[in-house]
Amino acid sequence: MSNPTPIKDKAIVLAQITDSHLFSSRDGMHHGHNVFENLKKVLLSICHNPKIDYVVFTGDLTQDHSEQSYQNFADLVRECGVAIPIYYLAGNHDEPELLAKYFSAAPFSSDTCIEHPHWQIQLVDSKSATPAGYVSEQALAKLKTAIKQDKHQLVMMHHHPIDVGYFIDKHGLQNKADFWQAINDYDNIQTIACGHVHSAMQLSNESEPAKVTSVTNASNVINTPNATKITKAVTTQSTAVNQAVTLYTCPATSIQFDPSVDGVAALAKGPGYRIFNLSADGNLHTDVVYL
């Protein structure tokens, strides 16, 4: 019989959810989709997967900017029985003060650096005064202070620091050069994950694809009933400062954008979320789940 994996060497499994765009009414419709019910489907799917250790919500909770929409999110988390921690970031639609008010008790956590024996997950604030993103000097300094050189890094944020090729780029990260200059100071940043674009993509900060040592099927990573799974396992490897960094974008729990339309339009597609599996040796696997 093989020896069990030591606790400190067990893989970390986290779910990224994003862009719920809730209304004060639970019946609120966003481009033909009941976004409250869509969020409920995602939360229940996560609850049914015992491998997931915690959730990171990367922003845009509200669509109508009502205080009730924050209450609806918090109430739904409890109604669905979510017991694992939920970390969170503000999106461009959100008010940080209201997030703090309604996410003040378990299972919510306001920590912005999630520590593990071999990994750190860094939550970077990109909210600005406009729909576009901006990572302030203070946020970049906080990130640099938090990063430990002897640990693998996953950076998570709301806005996308690489253009995706459709209308949302008008509201992307405005100070990309400052952001990438900070990121390129480190050779242990494996991956960046973001929301905001309402679609699941894999991009690179270089014109060529990010370096990978293997790409394999990983259909055994999750077991979610009634879900369509898009599965890709990517093993990344730190090589040198200024190496290619992979950006993974996350599907929304609300609607998925139609990239062929110059403005907000929804595809005929259900809600989704992304799962990351982080191994002690630095390998990173990711899956997208559509419901």
C-alpha atoms as a PDB file:
ATOM      1  CA  MET A   1       0.000   0.000   0.000  1.00  0.00           C
ATOM      2  CA  SER A   2       1.382   3.421  -0.941  1.00  0.00           C
ATOM      3  CA  ASN A   3       1.904   5.994   1.767  1.00  0.00           C
ATOM      4  CA  PRO A   4      -0.670   8.832   1.885  1.00  0.00           C
ATOM      5  CA  THR A   5       0.412  12.234   0.611  1.00  0.00           C
ATOM      6  CA  PRO A   6       1.485  14.513   3.491  1.00  0.00           C
ATOM      7  CA  ILE A   7      -1.021  17.296   4.149  1.00  0.00           C
ATOM      8  CA  LYS A   8       1.492  19.985   3.198  1.00  0.00           C
ATOM      9  CA  ASP A   9       2.052  18.332  -0.197  1.00  0.00           C
ATOM     10  CA  LYS A  10      -1.609  17.855  -1.136  1.00  0.00           C
ATOM     11  CA  ALA A  11      -2.842  19.734  -4.193  1.00  0.00           C
ATOM     12  CA  ILE A  12      -4.930  22.854  -3.653  1.00  0.00           C
ATOM     13  CA  VAL A  13      -8.219  23.025  -5.535  1.00  0.00           C
ATOM     14  CA  LEU A  14      -9.963  26.378  -5.825  1.00  0.00           C
ATOM     15  CA  ALA A  15     -12.961  27.561  -7.802  1.00  0.00           C
ATOM     16  CA  GLN A  16     -12.989  30.987  -9.415  1.00  0.00           C
ATOM     17  CA  ILE A  17     -16.419  32.574  -9.878  1.00  0.00           C
ATOM     18  CA  THR A  18     -17.001  36.010 -11.309  1.00  0.00           C
ATOM     19  CA  ASP A  19     -19.419  38.585 -12.709  1.00  0.00           C
ATOM     20  CA  SER A  20     -22.716  37.631 -11.106  1.00  0.00           C
ATOM     21  CA  HIS A  21     -24.367  40.990 -12.001  1.00  0.00           C
ATOM     22  CA  LEU A  22     -27.227  40.601  -9.538  1.00  0.00           C
ATOM     23  CA  PHE A  23     -30.259  42.858  -9.150  1.00  0.00           C
ATOM     24  CA  SER A  24     -32.258  43.880  -6.098  1.00  0.00           C
ATOM     25  CA  SER A  25     -34.917  41.432  -7.278  1.00  0.00           C
ATOM     26  CA  ARG A  26     -34.135  37.743  -7.422  1.00  0.00           C
ATOM     27  CA  ASP A  27     -36.162  37.701 -10.626  1.00  0.00           C
ATOM     28  CA  GLY A  28     -33.948  40.291 -12.316  1.00  0.00           C
ATOM     29  CA  MET A  29     -33.115  39.453 -15.938  1.00  0.00           C
ATOM     30  CA  HIS A  30     -29.858  40.443 -17.652  1.00  0.00           C
ATOM     31  CA  HIS A  31     -30.023  40.110 -21.445  1.00  0.00           C
ATOM     32  CA  GLY A  32     -32.600  37.351 -21.123  1.00  0.00           C
ATOM     33  CA  HIS A  33     -30.941  35.422 -18.279  1.00  0.00           C
ATOM     34  CA  ASN A  34     -32.027  35.140 -14.652  1.00  0.00           C
ATOM     35  CA  VAL A  35     -28.650  35.886 -13.101  1.00  0.00           C
ATOM     36  CA  PHE A  36     -29.688  34.981  -9.556  1.00  0.00           C
ATOM     37  CA  GLU A  37     -30.724  31.495 -10.655  1.00  0.00           C
ATOM     38  CA  ASN A  38     -27.528  31.168 -12.686  1.00  0.00           C
ATOM     39  CA  LEU A  39     -25.421  31.999  -9.632  1.00  0.00           C
ATOM     40  CA  LYS A  40     -27.408  29.465  -7.640  1.00  0.00           C
ATOM     41  CA  LYS A  41     -26.574  26.752 -10.191  1.00  0.00           C
ATOM     42  CA  VAL A  42     -22.872  27.561  -9.898  1.00  0.00           C
ATOM     43  CA  LEU A  43     -22.825  27.604  -6.096  1.00  0.00           C
ATOM     44  CA  LEU A  44     -24.681  24.285  -5.899  1.00  0.00           C
ATOM     45  CA  SER A  45     -22.292  22.764  -8.427  1.00  0.00           C
ATOM     46  CA  ILE A  46     -19.358  23.845  -6.258  1.00  0.00           C
ATOM     47  CA  CYS A  47     -21.038  22.450  -3.152  1.00  0.00           C
ATOM     48  CA  HIS A  48     -21.412  19.095  -4.916  1.00  0.00           C
ATOM     49  CA  ASN A  49     -17.674  18.895  -5.590  1.00  0.00           C
ATOM     50  CA  PRO A  50     -15.918  17.905  -2.334  1.00  0.00           C
ATOM     51  CA  LYS A  51     -12.484  18.379  -3.914  1.00  0.00           C
ATOM     52  CA  ILE A  52     -12.826  22.172  -3.939  1.00  0.00           C
ATOM     53  CA  ASP A  53     -11.059  23.780  -0.967  1.00  0.00           C
ATOM     54  CA  TYR A  54     -12.317  27.347  -1.395  1.00  0.00           C
ATOM     55  CA  VAL A  55     -13.771  29.911  -3.781  1.00  0.00           C
ATOM     56  CA  VAL A  56     -12.333  33.167  -5.122  1.00  0.00           C
ATOM     57  CA  PHE A  57     -14.931  35.647  -6.392  1.00  0.00           C
ATOM     58  CA  THR A  58     -13.285  38.113  -8.771  1.00  0.00           C
ATOM     59  CA  GLY A  59     -15.883  40.837  -8.784  1.00  0.00           C
ATOM     60  CA  ASP A  60     -18.868  42.505 -10.444  1.00  0.00           C
ATOM     61  CA  LEU A  61     -21.411  41.271  -7.947  1.00  0.00           C
ATOM     62  CA  THR A  62     -24.053  43.844  -8.810  1.00  0.00           C
ATOM     63  CA  GLN A  63     -25.707  45.009 -12.012  1.00  0.00           C
ATOM     64  CA  ASP A  64     -28.130  47.601 -10.645  1.00  0.00           C
ATOM     65  CA  HIS A  65     -25.784  48.874  -7.877  1.00  0.00           C
ATOM     66  CA  SER A  66     -28.435  48.216  -5.251  1.00  0.00           C
ATOM     67  CA  GLU A  67     -27.502  47.335  -1.694  1.00  0.00           C
ATOM     68  CA  GLN A  68     -30.074  44.530  -1.850  1.00  0.00           C
ATOM     69  CA  SER A  69     -28.069  42.797  -4.584  1.00  0.00           C
ATOM     70  CA  TYR A  70     -25.193  42.341  -2.088  1.00  0.00           C
ATOM     71  CA  GLN A  71     -27.641  40.955   0.447  1.00  0.00           C
ATOM     72  CA  ASN A  72     -28.980  38.572  -2.201  1.00  0.00           C
ATOM     73  CA  PHE A  73     -25.486  37.217  -2.894  1.00  0.00           C
ATOM     74  CA  ALA A  74     -24.722  36.666   0.798  1.00  0.00           C
ATOM     75  CA  ASP A  75     -28.137  35.085   1.423  1.00  0.00           C
ATOM     76  CA  LEU A  76     -27.758  32.732  -1.538  1.00  0.00           C
ATOM     77  CA  VAL A  77     -24.349  31.555  -0.335  1.00  0.00           C
ATOM     78  CA  ARG A  78     -25.931  30.522   2.961  1.00  0.00           C
ATOM     79  CA  GLU A  79     -29.058  29.049   1.337  1.00  0.00           C
ATOM     80  CA  CYS A  80     -26.873  26.851  -0.865  1.00  0.00           C
ATOM     81  CA  GLY A  81     -24.919  25.678   2.164  1.00  0.00           C
ATOM     82  CA  VAL A  82     -21.499  26.872   1.009  1.00  0.00           C
ATOM     83  CA  ALA A  83     -19.186  25.978   3.890  1.00  0.00           C
ATOM     84  CA  ILE A  84     -15.767  26.490   2.298  1.00  0.00           C
ATOM     85  CA  PRO A  85     -14.112  29.933   2.471  1.00  0.00           C
ATOM     86  CA  ILE A  86     -14.985  32.554  -0.143  1.00  0.00           C
ATOM     87  CA  TYR A  87     -12.340  35.201  -0.857  1.00  0.00           C
ATOM     88  CA  TYR A  88     -13.340  38.192  -2.945  1.00  0.00           C
ATOM     89  CA  LEU A  89     -12.340  41.219  -4.991  1.00  0.00           C
ATOM     90  CA  ALA A  90     -14.336  44.248  -6.111  1.00  0.00           C
ATOM     91  CA  GLY A  91     -15.189  44.621  -9.778  1.00  0.00           C
ATOM     92  CA  ASN A  92     -15.870  47.880 -11.573  1.00  0.00           C
ATOM     93  CA  HIS A  93     -19.597  47.598 -10.720  1.00  0.00           C
ATOM     94  CA  ASP A  94     -18.996  47.074  -7.013  1.00  0.00           C
ATOM     95  CA  GLU A  95     -18.624  49.235  -3.928  1.00  0.00           C
ATOM     96  CA  PRO A  96     -15.849  47.853  -1.667  1.00  0.00           C
ATOM     97  CA  GLU A  97     -17.629  49.210   1.404  1.00  0.00           C
ATOM     98  CA  LEU A  98     -20.758  47.183   0.616  1.00  0.00           C
ATOM     99  CA  LEU A  99     -18.720  44.056  -0.074  1.00  0.00           C
ATOM    100  CA  ALA A 100     -17.073  44.472   3.327  1.00  0.00           C
ATOM    101  CA  LYS A 101     -20.462  45.028   4.973  1.00  0.00           C
ATOM    102  CA  TYR A 102     -22.220  41.983   3.547  1.00  0.00           C
ATOM    103  CA  PHE A 103     -19.174  39.705   3.390  1.00  0.00           C
ATOM    104  CA  SER A 104     -18.126  40.306   6.993  1.00  0.00           C
ATOM    105  CA  ALA A 105     -18.910  36.832   8.360  1.00  0.00           C
ATOM    106  CA  ALA A 106     -17.955  33.267   7.448  1.00  0.00           C
ATOM    107  CA  PRO A 107     -17.652  31.777   4.940  1.00  0.00           C
ATOM    108  CA  PHE A 108     -16.386  35.067   3.480  1.00  0.00           C
ATOM    109  CA  SER A 109     -12.793  36.199   4.013  1.00  0.00           C
ATOM    110  CA  SER A 110     -11.249  39.566   3.148  1.00  0.00           C
ATOM    111  CA  ASP A 111      -7.685  38.206   3.032  1.00  0.00           C
ATOM    112  CA  THR A 112      -5.855  39.233  -0.142  1.00  0.00           C
ATOM    113  CA  CYS A 113      -2.933  36.826   0.182  1.00  0.00           C
ATOM    114  CA  ILE A 114      -3.880  33.170   0.607  1.00  0.00           C
ATOM    115  CA  GLU A 115      -0.973  31.201   2.044  1.00  0.00           C
ATOM    116  CA  HIS A 116      -0.142  27.568   1.408  1.00  0.00           C
ATOM    117  CA  PRO A 117       3.058  25.600   2.062  1.00  0.00           C
ATOM    118  CA  HIS A 118       4.116  25.763  -1.596  1.00  0.00           C
ATOM    119  CA  TRP A 119       1.836  28.414  -3.112  1.00  0.00           C
ATOM    120  CA  GLN A 120       0.531  31.910  -2.567  1.00  0.00           C
ATOM    121  CA  ILE A 121      -2.638  33.198  -4.228  1.00  0.00           C
ATOM    122  CA  GLN A 122      -2.478  36.976  -4.561  1.00  0.00           C
ATOM    123  CA  LEU A 123      -5.706  38.973  -4.941  1.00  0.00           C
ATOM    124  CA  VAL A 124      -4.927  42.277  -6.669  1.00  0.00           C
ATOM    125  CA  ASP A 125      -7.328  45.223  -6.605  1.00  0.00           C
ATOM    126  CA  SER A 126      -7.883  46.691 -10.093  1.00  0.00           C
ATOM    127  CA  LYS A 127     -11.011  48.781  -9.427  1.00  0.00           C
ATOM    128  CA  SER A 128     -10.844  52.392 -10.545  1.00  0.00           C
ATOM    129  CA  ALA A 129     -13.264  55.313 -10.745  1.00  0.00           C
ATOM    130  CA  THR A 130     -14.317  54.203 -14.250  1.00  0.00           C
ATOM    131  CA  PRO A 131     -15.399  50.857 -15.745  1.00  0.00           C
ATOM    132  CA  ALA A 132     -11.788  50.357 -16.846  1.00  0.00           C
ATOM    133  CA  GLY A 133      -9.213  48.872 -14.506  1.00  0.00           C
ATOM    134  CA  TYR A 134      -6.211  50.444 -12.827  1.00  0.00           C
ATOM    135  CA  VAL A 135      -3.762  48.802 -10.431  1.00  0.00           C
ATOM    136  CA  SER A 136      -2.521  51.592  -8.199  1.00  0.00           C
ATOM    137  CA  GLU A 137       1.052  52.091  -7.021  1.00  0.00           C
ATOM    138  CA  GLN A 138      -0.143  51.118  -3.559  1.00  0.00           C
ATOM    139  CA  ALA A 139      -1.654  47.866  -4.860  1.00  0.00           C
ATOM    140  CA  LEU A 140       1.524  47.008  -6.748  1.00  0.00           C
ATOM    141  CA  ALA A 141       3.640  47.772  -3.692  1.00  0.00           C
ATOM    142  CA  LYS A 142       1.371  45.567  -1.582  1.00  0.00           C
ATOM    143  CA  LEU A 143       1.756  42.748  -4.099  1.00  0.00           C
ATOM    144  CA  LYS A 144       5.544  43.046  -4.104  1.00  0.00           C
ATOM    145  CA  THR A 145       5.636  42.999  -0.318  1.00  0.00           C
ATOM    146  CA  ALA A 146       3.436  39.900  -0.161  1.00  0.00           C
ATOM    147  CA  ILE A 147       5.248  37.738  -2.724  1.00  0.00           C
ATOM    148  CA  LYS A 148       7.617  35.142  -1.297  1.00  0.00           C
ATOM    149  CA  GLN A 149      10.328  34.073  -3.696  1.00  0.00           C
ATOM    150  CA  ASP A 150      10.304  30.459  -2.496  1.00  0.00           C
ATOM    151  CA  LYS A 151       6.614  29.902  -3.337  1.00  0.00           C
ATOM    152  CA  HIS A 152       4.718  29.492  -6.596  1.00  0.00           C
ATOM    153  CA  GLN A 153       2.368  32.360  -7.343  1.00  0.00           C
ATOM    154  CA  LEU A 154      -1.150  32.640  -8.751  1.00  0.00           C
ATOM    155  CA  VAL A 155      -2.271  36.247  -9.225  1.00  0.00           C
ATOM    156  CA  MET A 156      -6.007  36.922  -9.423  1.00  0.00           C
ATOM    157  CA  MET A 157      -7.759  40.159 -10.367  1.00  0.00           C
ATOM    158  CA  HIS A 158     -10.952  41.487 -11.920  1.00  0.00           C
ATOM    159  CA  HIS A 159      -9.775  43.328 -15.047  1.00  0.00           C
ATOM    160  CA  HIS A 160      -7.884  41.671 -17.899  1.00  0.00           C
ATOM    161  CA  PRO A 161      -4.275  42.811 -18.393  1.00  0.00           C
ATOM    162  CA  ILE A 162      -4.168  41.431 -21.976  1.00  0.00           C
ATOM    163  CA  ASP A 163      -6.597  42.512 -24.692  1.00  0.00           C
ATOM    164  CA  VAL A 164      -9.104  39.854 -25.732  1.00  0.00           C
ATOM    165  CA  GLY A 165     -10.173  41.306 -29.079  1.00  0.00           C
ATOM    166  CA  TYR A 166     -13.709  42.555 -28.503  1.00  0.00           C
ATOM    167  CA  PHE A 167     -15.556  45.539 -27.021  1.00  0.00           C
ATOM    168  CA  ILE A 168     -14.597  44.860 -23.392  1.00  0.00           C
ATOM    169  CA  ASP A 169     -11.027  45.909 -24.195  1.00  0.00           C
ATOM    170  CA  LYS A 170     -12.271  49.507 -23.932  1.00  0.00           C
ATOM    171  CA  HIS A 171     -12.719  48.734 -20.246  1.00  0.00           C
ATOM    172  CA  GLY A 172      -9.618  46.626 -19.679  1.00  0.00           C
ATOM    173  CA  LEU A 173      -6.608  47.389 -17.503  1.00  0.00           C
ATOM    174  CA  GLN A 174      -5.425  50.913 -18.304  1.00  0.00           C
ATOM    175  CA  ASN A 175      -1.912  50.776 -16.857  1.00  0.00           C
ATOM    176  CA  LYS A 176      -0.827  47.506 -18.431  1.00  0.00           C
ATOM    177  CA  ALA A 177       2.824  48.578 -18.722  1.00  0.00           C
ATOM    178  CA  ASP A 178       3.102  49.320 -14.986  1.00  0.00           C
ATOM    179  CA  PHE A 179       1.401  46.044 -14.123  1.00  0.00           C
ATOM    180  CA  TRP A 180       3.597  43.889 -16.362  1.00  0.00           C
ATOM    181  CA  GLN A 181       6.734  45.657 -15.203  1.00  0.00           C
ATOM    182  CA  ALA A 182       5.881  44.593 -11.666  1.00  0.00           C
ATOM    183  CA  ILE A 183       4.972  41.036 -12.710  1.00  0.00           C
ATOM    184  CA  ASN A 184       8.166  40.634 -14.738  1.00  0.00           C
ATOM    185  CA  ASP A 185      10.278  41.266 -11.649  1.00  0.00           C
ATOM    186  CA  TYR A 186       9.429  37.712 -10.554  1.00  0.00           C
ATOM    187  CA  ASP A 187      10.161  34.341 -12.092  1.00  0.00           C
ATOM    188  CA  ASN A 188       7.808  32.445  -9.774  1.00  0.00           C
ATOM    189  CA  ILE A 189       4.527  33.927 -11.000  1.00  0.00           C
ATOM    190  CA  GLN A 190       2.938  30.945 -12.699  1.00  0.00           C
ATOM    191  CA  THR A 191      -0.363  32.324 -13.875  1.00  0.00           C
ATOM    192  CA  ILE A 192      -2.740  35.272 -13.786  1.00  0.00           C
ATOM    193  CA  ALA A 193      -6.503  34.741 -13.577  1.00  0.00           C
ATOM    194  CA  CYS A 194      -9.160  37.398 -14.160  1.00  0.00           C
ATOM    195  CA  GLY A 195     -12.870  37.968 -14.653  1.00  0.00           C
ATOM    196  CA  HIS A 196     -14.575  40.887 -16.443  1.00  0.00           C
ATOM    197  CA  VAL A 197     -14.528  39.465 -19.989  1.00  0.00           C
ATOM    198  CA  HIS A 198     -17.427  36.971 -19.544  1.00  0.00           C
ATOM    199  CA  SER A 199     -15.600  34.230 -21.429  1.00  0.00           C
ATOM    200  CA  ALA A 200     -13.063  31.459 -20.830  1.00  0.00           C
ATOM    201  CA  MET A 201      -9.775  32.001 -22.652  1.00  0.00           C
ATOM    202  CA  GLN A 202      -6.087  31.217 -22.364  1.00  0.00           C
ATOM    203  CA  LEU A 203      -3.793  34.073 -23.396  1.00  0.00           C
ATOM    204  CA  SER A 204      -0.129  34.983 -23.062  1.00  0.00           C
ATOM    205  CA  ASN A 205       1.668  38.248 -22.357  1.00  0.00           C
ATOM    206  CA  GLU A 206       3.962  37.427 -25.288  1.00  0.00           C
ATOM    207  CA  SER A 207       3.073  36.956 -28.923  1.00  0.00           C
ATOM    208  CA  GLU A 208       4.032  33.296 -28.691  1.00  0.00           C
ATOM    209  CA  PRO A 209       2.121  30.829 -26.493  1.00  0.00           C
ATOM    210  CA  ALA A 210       3.267  30.579 -22.911  1.00  0.00           C
ATOM    211  CA  LYS A 211       5.817  27.852 -22.302  1.00  0.00           C
ATOM    212  CA  VAL A 212       4.300  24.579 -21.198  1.00  0.00           C
ATOM    213  CA  THR A 213       5.972  21.276 -20.538  1.00  0.00           C
ATOM    214  CA  SER A 214       2.864  19.194 -21.140  1.00  0.00           C
ATOM    215  CA  VAL A 215      -0.798  19.454 -22.068  1.00  0.00           C
ATOM    216  CA  THR A 216      -2.946  16.477 -21.102  1.00  0.00           C
ATOM    217  CA  ASN A 217      -6.532  15.542 -20.478  1.00  0.00           C
ATOM    218  CA  ALA A 218      -7.575  15.855 -16.845  1.00  0.00           C
ATOM    219  CA  SER A 219     -11.178  14.762 -16.845  1.00  0.00           C
ATOM    220  CA  ASN A 220     -10.719  13.111 -13.452  1.00  0.00           C
ATOM    221  CA  VAL A 221     -10.080  16.412 -11.705  1.00  0.00           C
ATOM    222  CA  ILE A 222     -13.757  17.206 -11.137  1.00  0.00           C
ATOM    223  CA  ASN A 223     -16.992  15.320 -11.101  1.00  0.00           C
ATOM    224  CA  THR A 224     -19.867  17.745 -11.520  1.00  0.00           C
ATOM    225  CA  PRO A 225     -23.304  16.381 -12.459  1.00  0.00           C
ATOM    226  CA  ASN A 226     -25.234  17.932 -15.353  1.00  0.00           C
ATOM    227  CA  ALA A 227     -22.261  19.991 -16.495  1.00  0.00           C
ATOM    228  CA  THR A 228     -20.444  20.378 -19.775  1.00  0.00           C
ATOM    229  CA  LYS A 229     -16.731  20.254 -19.039  1.00  0.00           C
ATOM    230  CA  ILE A 230     -13.984  21.907 -21.046  1.00  0.00           C
ATOM    231  CA  THR A 231     -10.874  20.338 -19.616  1.00  0.00           C
ATOM    232  CA  LYS A 232      -7.261  21.267 -20.054  1.00  0.00           C
ATOM    233  CA  ALA A 233      -4.341  20.541 -17.778  1.00  0.00           C
ATOM    234  CA  VAL A 234      -1.324  22.782 -18.188  1.00  0.00           C
ATOM    235  CA  THR A 235       2.009  22.213 -16.544  1.00  0.00           C
ATOM    236  CA  THR A 236       3.926  25.471 -16.317  1.00  0.00           C
ATOM    237  CA  GLN A 237       7.529  25.949 -15.461  1.00  0.00           C
ATOM    238  CA  SER A 238       9.381  29.007 -14.155  1.00  0.00           C
ATOM    239  CA  THR A 239      12.332  29.748 -16.400  1.00  0.00           C
ATOM    240  CA  ALA A 240      13.552  33.329 -16.039  1.00  0.00           C
ATOM    241  CA  VAL A 241      12.481  36.880 -15.381  1.00  0.00           C
ATOM    242  CA  ASN A 242      10.367  38.205 -18.315  1.00  0.00           C
ATOM    243  CA  GLN A 243       9.175  34.692 -19.129  1.00  0.00           C
ATOM    244  CA  ALA A 244       5.797  34.290 -20.758  1.00  0.00           C
ATOM    245  CA  VAL A 245       2.975  34.371 -18.216  1.00  0.00           C
ATOM    246  CA  THR A 246      -0.341  32.666 -18.961  1.00  0.00           C
ATOM    247  CA  LEU A 247      -3.592  34.545 -18.415  1.00  0.00           C
ATOM    248  CA  TYR A 248      -6.751  32.525 -17.839  1.00  0.00           C
ATOM    249  CA  THR A 249     -10.049  34.365 -18.078  1.00  0.00           C
ATOM    250  CA  CYS A 250     -13.152  33.061 -16.347  1.00  0.00           C
ATOM    251  CA  PRO A 251     -16.681  32.583 -17.652  1.00  0.00           C
ATOM    252  CA  ALA A 252     -19.331  34.557 -15.818  1.00  0.00           C
ATOM    253  CA  THR A 253     -22.002  33.162 -13.576  1.00  0.00           C
ATOM    254  CA  SER A 254     -24.407  35.619 -15.265  1.00  0.00           C
ATOM    255  CA  ILE A 255     -24.037  35.732 -19.070  1.00  0.00           C
ATOM    256  CA  GLN A 256     -21.311  34.931 -21.596  1.00  0.00           C
ATOM    257  CA  PHE A 257     -20.489  37.792 -23.974  1.00  0.00           C
ATOM    258  CA  ASP A 258     -20.905  37.423 -27.726  1.00  0.00           C
ATOM    259  CA  PRO A 259     -17.516  38.602 -29.039  1.00  0.00           C
ATOM    260  CA  SER A 260     -18.944  39.347 -32.490  1.00  0.00           C
ATOM    261  CA  VAL A 261     -21.093  42.191 -31.145  1.00  0.00           C
ATOM    262  CA  ASP A 262     -19.696  45.657 -30.412  1.00  0.00           C
ATOM    263  CA  GLY A 263     -21.397  45.935 -27.042  1.00  0.00           C
ATOM    264  CA  VAL A 264     -23.022  43.741 -24.445  1.00  0.00           C
ATOM    265  CA  ALA A 265     -24.877  40.793 -25.967  1.00  0.00           C
ATOM    266  CA  ALA A 266     -25.323  37.322 -24.513  1.00  0.00           C
ATOM    267  CA  LEU A 267     -24.510  34.023 -26.121  1.00  0.00           C
ATOM    268  CA  ALA A 268     -27.006  31.181 -25.766  1.00  0.00           C
ATOM    269  CA  LYS A 269     -24.814  29.619 -23.116  1.00  0.00           C
ATOM    270  CA  GLY A 270     -25.281  28.832 -19.456  1.00  0.00           C
ATOM    271  CA  PRO A 271     -23.327  30.026 -16.436  1.00  0.00           C
ATOM    272  CA  GLY A 272     -19.787  28.861 -15.831  1.00  0.00           C
ATOM    273  CA  TYR A 273     -16.797  28.932 -13.519  1.00  0.00           C
ATOM    274  CA  ARG A 274     -13.160  27.881 -13.498  1.00  0.00           C
ATOM    275  CA  ILE A 275     -11.311  25.404 -11.310  1.00  0.00           C
ATOM    276  CA  PHE A 276      -7.589  25.537 -10.551  1.00  0.00           C
ATOM    277  CA  ASN A 277      -5.662  22.552  -9.231  1.00  0.00           C
ATOM    278  CA  LEU A 278      -2.303  23.635  -7.775  1.00  0.00           C
ATOM    279  CA  SER A 279       0.241  20.899  -7.063  1.00  0.00           C
ATOM    280  CA  ALA A 280       3.016  21.148  -4.505  1.00  0.00           C
ATOM    281  CA  ASP A 281       5.639  20.869  -7.276  1.00  0.00           C
ATOM    282  CA  GLY A 282       4.315  23.968  -9.043  1.00  0.00           C
ATOM    283  CA  ASN A 283       2.177  22.251 -11.660  1.00  0.00           C
ATOM    284  CA  LEU A 284      -1.068  24.054 -12.425  1.00  0.00           C
ATOM    285  CA  HIS A 285      -4.142  22.419 -13.971  1.00  0.00           C
ATOM    286  CA  THR A 286      -7.292  24.281 -14.872  1.00  0.00           C
ATOM    287  CA  ASP A 287     -10.812  23.273 -15.905  1.00  0.00           C
ATOM    288  CA  VAL A 288     -13.800  25.290 -17.066  1.00  0.00           C
ATOM    289  CA  VAL A 289     -17.284  24.118 -16.093  1.00  0.00           C
ATOM    290  CA  TYR A 290     -20.404  25.290 -17.923  1.00  0.00           C
ATOM    291  CA  LEU A 291     -23.820  24.435 -16.518  1.00  0.00           C
END
